[in-house]
Amino acid sequence: MEEKLQAAYISEHFQVLQALRDTPEKKVLKVRSKSSGKVYLLREFQGDPSVYERLLPLRSPYLPEIFEVISDGDRVTVLE
């Protein structure tokens, strides 16, 4: 159920431009925000979100900028 809600949120707020990787374990999508027009990477995977949660407040030209980290059970979604 949570996965369906998450997919509905993504399709409501983002337009998928390209699937860069799509496997049962990992999905990487190039998406565009419907409200701002900005382009982001959306990662969905099974695993530990702690690395992305630590990157969330950091801003550096040498690190990806993380905008959102959502963890529900064993699935993690990261917007960068």
Protein backbone atom coordinates (compact mmCIF):
# COMPACT_ATOMS: atom_id res chain seq x y z
CA MET A 1 0.00 0.00 0.00
CA GLU A 2 2.76 2.49 0.91
CA GLU A 3 4.52 1.81 -2.39
CA LYS A 4 1.31 2.67 -4.30
CA LEU A 5 0.92 5.92 -2.36
CA GLN A 6 4.54 6.80 -3.03
CA ALA A 7 4.13 6.07 -6.76
CA ALA A 8 0.98 8.22 -6.85
CA TYR A 9 2.82 11.11 -5.17
CA ILE A 10 5.70 10.85 -7.64
CA SER A 11 3.42 10.78 -10.69
CA GLU A 12 1.38 13.70 -9.31
CA HIS A 13 4.38 15.97 -8.64
CA PHE A 14 6.97 14.81 -11.18
CA GLN A 15 7.15 13.99 -14.86
CA VAL A 16 9.44 11.04 -15.62
CA LEU A 17 11.86 12.07 -18.36
CA GLN A 18 14.04 8.97 -18.56
CA ALA A 19 14.61 5.70 -16.73
CA LEU A 20 18.37 5.51 -16.21
CA ARG A 21 18.23 2.19 -14.36
CA ASP A 22 15.30 -0.08 -13.60
CA THR A 23 15.91 -3.38 -11.84
CA PRO A 24 13.96 -5.12 -9.07
CA GLU A 25 16.52 -3.88 -6.52
CA LYS A 26 17.11 -0.34 -7.78
CA LYS A 27 15.40 2.32 -9.86
CA VAL A 28 17.00 5.59 -11.00
CA LEU A 29 14.79 8.07 -12.83
CA LYS A 30 15.44 11.47 -14.34
CA VAL A 31 12.36 13.51 -13.39
CA ARG A 32 11.07 17.06 -13.77
CA SER A 33 9.09 18.85 -11.10
CA LYS A 34 5.68 19.79 -12.47
CA SER A 35 5.56 22.91 -10.30
CA SER A 36 9.07 24.36 -10.75
CA GLY A 37 10.32 22.71 -13.94
CA LYS A 38 13.60 21.70 -12.24
CA VAL A 39 15.20 18.38 -13.18
CA TYR A 40 16.14 15.88 -10.46
CA LEU A 41 17.33 12.32 -10.03
CA LEU A 42 14.97 10.04 -8.16
CA ARG A 43 16.51 6.91 -6.66
CA GLU A 44 14.50 4.04 -5.21
CA PHE A 45 16.30 1.10 -3.64
CA GLN A 46 16.29 -1.44 -0.84
CA GLY A 47 18.77 -0.69 1.87
CA ASP A 48 19.99 1.66 4.55
CA PRO A 49 19.16 5.36 4.07
CA SER A 50 21.70 6.60 6.64
CA VAL A 51 24.30 7.80 4.10
CA TYR A 52 21.73 9.90 2.27
CA GLU A 53 20.31 11.21 5.55
CA ARG A 54 23.82 12.39 6.50
CA LEU A 55 24.23 14.10 3.10
CA LEU A 56 20.83 15.83 3.35
CA PRO A 57 21.98 18.97 5.26
CA LEU A 58 25.36 19.23 3.49
CA ARG A 59 26.02 21.56 0.55
CA SER A 60 29.23 21.10 -1.43
CA PRO A 61 30.15 21.31 -5.11
CA TYR A 62 31.78 17.88 -4.70
CA LEU A 63 28.72 16.03 -3.33
CA PRO A 64 25.28 15.41 -4.79
CA GLU A 65 22.66 17.77 -3.33
CA ILE A 66 20.05 15.69 -1.54
CA PHE A 67 16.60 17.29 -1.32
CA GLU A 68 14.52 14.49 0.22
CA VAL A 69 15.03 11.07 1.80
CA ILE A 70 11.99 8.87 2.41
CA SER A 71 12.28 5.48 4.06
CA ASP A 72 9.29 3.19 4.44
CA GLY A 73 10.17 -0.26 5.65
CA ASP A 74 12.86 -1.72 3.42
CA ARG A 75 12.41 0.75 0.51
CA VAL A 76 14.26 4.07 0.32
CA THR A 77 13.49 6.95 -2.04
CA VAL A 78 16.02 9.75 -2.54
CA LEU A 79 15.49 12.95 -4.52
CA GLU A 80 18.75 14.57 -5.61
